[in-house]
C-alpha atoms as a PDB file:
ATOM      1  CA  MET A   1      12.630  -8.103   6.482  1.00  0.00           C
ATOM      2  CA  ILE A   2      11.121  -5.053   4.870  1.00  0.00           C
ATOM      3  CA  ALA A   3      13.176  -3.287   2.207  1.00  0.00           C
ATOM      4  CA  ASN A   4      15.769  -0.870   3.601  1.00  0.00           C
ATOM      5  CA  GLU A   5      15.433  -2.436   7.070  1.00  0.00           C
ATOM      6  CA  GLU A   6      12.257  -0.431   7.640  1.00  0.00           C
ATOM      7  CA  LYS A   7      10.303  -1.455  10.736  1.00  0.00           C
ATOM      8  CA  MET A   8       6.875  -3.007  10.321  1.00  0.00           C
ATOM      9  CA  PRO A   9       4.359  -0.182  10.846  1.00  0.00           C
ATOM     10  CA  ARG A  10       1.453  -0.630  13.216  1.00  0.00           C
ATOM     11  CA  LEU A  11      -2.002  -0.413  11.689  1.00  0.00           C
ATOM     12  CA  GLU A  12      -2.609   2.906  13.469  1.00  0.00           C
ATOM     13  CA  GLU A  13       0.467   4.391  11.765  1.00  0.00           C
ATOM     14  CA  LEU A  14      -0.736   3.709   8.220  1.00  0.00           C
ATOM     15  CA  THR A  15      -2.165   6.377   5.960  1.00  0.00           C
ATOM     16  CA  TYR A  16      -5.682   6.072   4.583  1.00  0.00           C
ATOM     17  CA  ASP A  17      -4.299   4.954   1.208  1.00  0.00           C
ATOM     18  CA  GLU A  18      -1.994   2.383   2.822  1.00  0.00           C
ATOM     19  CA  VAL A  19      -4.892   0.920   4.823  1.00  0.00           C
ATOM     20  CA  ASN A  20      -6.924   0.612   1.633  1.00  0.00           C
ATOM     21  CA  ALA A  21      -4.006  -1.050  -0.161  1.00  0.00           C
ATOM     22  CA  VAL A  22      -3.581  -3.536   2.701  1.00  0.00           C
ATOM     23  CA  LEU A  23      -7.337  -4.244   2.719  1.00  0.00           C
ATOM     24  CA  MET A  24      -7.272  -4.935  -1.015  1.00  0.00           C
ATOM     25  CA  HIS A  25      -4.237  -7.160  -0.512  1.00  0.00           C
ATOM     26  CA  LYS A  26      -6.030  -8.969   2.331  1.00  0.00           C
ATOM     27  CA  TRP A  27      -9.000  -9.619   0.033  1.00  0.00           C
ATOM     28  CA  TYR A  28      -6.692 -10.956  -2.700  1.00  0.00           C
ATOM     29  CA  LEU A  29      -4.789 -13.249  -0.313  1.00  0.00           C
ATOM     30  CA  SER A  30      -8.026 -14.470   1.299  1.00  0.00           C
ATOM     31  CA  GLN A  31      -9.482 -15.325  -2.113  1.00  0.00           C
ATOM     32  CA  LYS A  32      -6.291 -17.097  -3.119  1.00  0.00           C
ATOM     33  CA  GLU A  33      -6.139 -19.152   0.092  1.00  0.00           C
ATOM     34  CA  LYS A  34      -9.944 -19.602   0.322  1.00  0.00           C
ATOM     35  CA  ARG A  35      -9.936 -18.372   3.932  1.00  0.00           C
ATOM     36  CA  ASP A  36      -9.692 -15.105   5.827  1.00  0.00           C
ATOM     37  CA  VAL A  37      -5.966 -14.522   6.220  1.00  0.00           C
ATOM     38  CA  GLY A  38      -6.362 -11.741   8.784  1.00  0.00           C
ATOM     39  CA  MET A  39      -5.253  -8.139   8.744  1.00  0.00           C
ATOM     40  CA  GLU A  40      -1.860  -8.635  10.430  1.00  0.00           C
ATOM     41  CA  TYR A  41      -0.852 -11.371   7.967  1.00  0.00           C
ATOM     42  CA  ALA A  42      -1.989  -9.257   5.008  1.00  0.00           C
ATOM     43  CA  LYS A  43      -0.183  -6.176   6.347  1.00  0.00           C
ATOM     44  CA  ALA A  44       3.050  -8.102   6.897  1.00  0.00           C
ATOM     45  CA  ASP A  45       2.924  -9.697   3.434  1.00  0.00           C
ATOM     46  CA  PHE A  46       2.085  -6.361   1.793  1.00  0.00           C
ATOM     47  CA  PHE A  47       4.972  -4.521   3.463  1.00  0.00           C
ATOM     48  CA  MET A  48       7.472  -7.333   2.879  1.00  0.00           C
ATOM     49  CA  HIS A  49       6.646  -7.902  -0.792  1.00  0.00           C
ATOM     50  CA  HIS A  50       4.608  -5.075  -2.317  1.00  0.00           C
ATOM     51  CA  ALA A  51       4.866  -1.772  -0.424  1.00  0.00           C
ATOM     52  CA  ALA A  52       7.949  -0.390  -2.190  1.00  0.00           C
ATOM     53  CA  ALA A  53       6.465  -0.844  -5.672  1.00  0.00           C
ATOM     54  CA  TRP A  54       3.053   0.406  -4.482  1.00  0.00           C
ATOM     55  CA  ARG A  55       4.608   3.554  -2.980  1.00  0.00           C
ATOM     56  CA  LYS A  56       6.585   4.256  -6.161  1.00  0.00           C
ATOM     57  CA  LYS A  57       3.468   3.908  -8.304  1.00  0.00           C
ATOM     58  CA  LYS A  58       1.445   6.047  -5.860  1.00  0.00           C
ATOM     59  CA  ILE A  59       4.043   8.835  -5.863  1.00  0.00           C
ATOM     60  CA  GLU A  60       4.163   8.815  -9.666  1.00  0.00           C
ATOM     61  CA  ALA A  61       0.357   9.016  -9.883  1.00  0.00           C
ATOM     62  CA  ASP A  62       0.191  11.784  -7.268  1.00  0.00           C
ATOM     63  CA  ASN A  63       2.890  13.774  -9.078  1.00  0.00           C
ATOM     64  CA  ALA A  64       1.096  13.396 -12.418  1.00  0.00           C
ATOM     65  CA  GLU A  65      -2.178  14.561 -10.835  1.00  0.00           C
ATOM     66  CA  GLN A  66      -0.441  17.536  -9.231  1.00  0.00           C
ATOM     67  CA  LYS A  67       1.194  18.491 -12.531  1.00  0.00           C
ATOM     68  CA  LYS A  68      -2.178  18.260 -14.265  1.00  0.00           C
ATOM     69  CA  GLU A  69      -3.730  20.606 -11.685  1.00  0.00           C
ATOM     70  CA  ILE A  70      -0.873  23.089 -12.039  1.00  0.00           C
ATOM     71  CA  GLU A  71      -1.206  23.113 -15.834  1.00  0.00           C
ATOM     72  CA  LYS A  72      -4.959  23.608 -15.537  1.00  0.00           C
ATOM     73  CA  HIS A  73      -4.476  26.806 -13.517  1.00  0.00           C
ATOM     74  CA  LYS A  74      -1.713  28.366 -15.623  1.00  0.00           C
END
């Protein structure tokens, strides 16, 4: 199950950045398994094993970028 009992999002519910992360994950898994693993498999694996860490890293990067922009305009 996904961390914190979160439901598996449908592809249409994902943000642009989440779709890109799942696509990159799909490419990685497909290369590793030497076959196309499919979008649903990649999405499920991403959200079960990698989404929490990805979101944390994304939030940290977004916050750093926002802080940089604020400092630039002070």
